Amino acid sequence: MIVEINGCHDVQLVSSRDGEVNIVAPKVLLPYLPGIVALNGLGRVAGHVVELDVTWSGWPAGVPTPPTAAITTRCD
């Protein structure tokens, strides 16, 4: 699964695949990522990963959510 973060209130699941979860955000948002992740209820940033909250409303029903997600940046 890919969770795309484009801003403070722009967090969405854009791809649903079995297996890993990746958090994708623009490089410029990295300093703000802990606050954005917490504000949206996605979990909490712990180093280079996000410890996921399995109760986040954006997860698809019936799909198991792993405990962590890798953070990937993109240049915009």
Protein backbone atom coordinates (compact mmCIF):
# COMPACT_ATOMS: atom_id res chain seq x y z
CA MET A 1 0.00 0.00 0.00
CA ILE A 2 1.16 3.52 -0.67
CA VAL A 3 0.05 6.39 1.54
CA GLU A 4 0.70 9.69 -0.19
CA ILE A 5 1.19 12.82 1.92
CA ASN A 6 0.96 16.06 -0.03
CA GLY A 7 0.24 18.46 2.81
CA CYS A 8 -1.07 18.82 6.32
CA HIS A 9 -4.62 17.77 5.45
CA ASP A 10 -3.87 15.91 2.21
CA VAL A 11 -3.15 12.30 3.24
CA GLN A 12 -4.59 9.51 1.14
CA LEU A 13 -4.19 5.87 0.25
CA VAL A 14 -3.39 5.95 -3.46
CA SER A 15 -2.49 2.34 -4.11
CA SER A 16 -3.54 -0.81 -2.39
CA ARG A 17 -1.25 -3.80 -2.81
CA ASP A 18 -0.70 -6.66 -0.47
CA GLY A 19 2.41 -6.54 1.69
CA GLU A 20 4.37 -3.49 2.72
CA VAL A 21 3.14 0.01 3.39
CA ASN A 22 5.18 2.97 2.12
CA ILE A 23 4.68 6.56 3.16
CA VAL A 24 5.50 8.86 0.22
CA ALA A 25 5.95 12.58 0.78
CA PRO A 26 7.78 15.49 -0.84
CA LYS A 27 11.25 16.05 0.59
CA VAL A 28 10.27 19.56 1.70
CA LEU A 29 7.68 18.09 4.11
CA LEU A 30 10.15 15.86 6.01
CA PRO A 31 10.63 18.29 8.93
CA TYR A 32 6.84 18.45 9.35
CA LEU A 33 6.13 14.75 8.83
CA PRO A 34 5.88 13.80 12.54
CA GLY A 35 3.18 16.43 13.09
CA ILE A 36 1.31 15.61 9.86
CA VAL A 37 1.32 11.88 10.62
CA ALA A 38 0.08 12.46 14.19
CA LEU A 39 -2.51 15.08 13.18
CA ASN A 40 -4.07 12.70 10.68
CA GLY A 41 -4.09 9.72 13.05
CA LEU A 42 -1.82 7.64 10.82
CA GLY A 43 0.60 6.74 13.61
CA ARG A 44 3.91 8.20 14.77
CA VAL A 45 7.27 8.78 13.11
CA ALA A 46 10.11 6.77 14.65
CA GLY A 47 13.34 7.50 12.78
CA HIS A 48 13.02 6.41 9.15
CA VAL A 49 9.72 4.58 9.62
CA VAL A 50 6.18 5.30 10.72
CA GLU A 51 4.71 3.14 13.46
CA LEU A 52 1.23 2.71 12.02
CA ASP A 53 -2.06 3.08 13.84
CA VAL A 54 -4.17 0.18 12.60
CA THR A 55 -7.35 2.11 13.51
CA TRP A 56 -6.68 4.85 10.91
CA SER A 57 -9.88 5.36 8.93
CA GLY A 58 -8.06 5.31 5.57
CA TRP A 59 -7.10 1.62 5.68
CA PRO A 60 -9.12 -0.64 3.39
CA ALA A 61 -11.43 -3.03 5.23
CA GLY A 62 -10.22 -6.59 5.55
CA VAL A 63 -6.62 -5.88 4.55
CA PRO A 64 -4.05 -6.54 7.29
CA THR A 65 -1.96 -3.51 8.22
CA PRO A 66 1.71 -4.07 9.09
CA PRO A 67 3.11 -2.43 12.24
CA THR A 68 5.46 -0.07 10.38
CA ALA A 69 5.85 1.73 7.06
CA ALA A 70 8.99 2.97 5.32
CA ILE A 71 9.22 6.70 4.56
CA THR A 72 10.05 7.51 0.93
CA THR A 73 10.63 11.02 -0.38
CA ARG A 74 10.07 12.48 -3.79
CA CYS A 75 11.32 15.72 -5.31
CA ASP A 76 8.52 18.05 -6.35
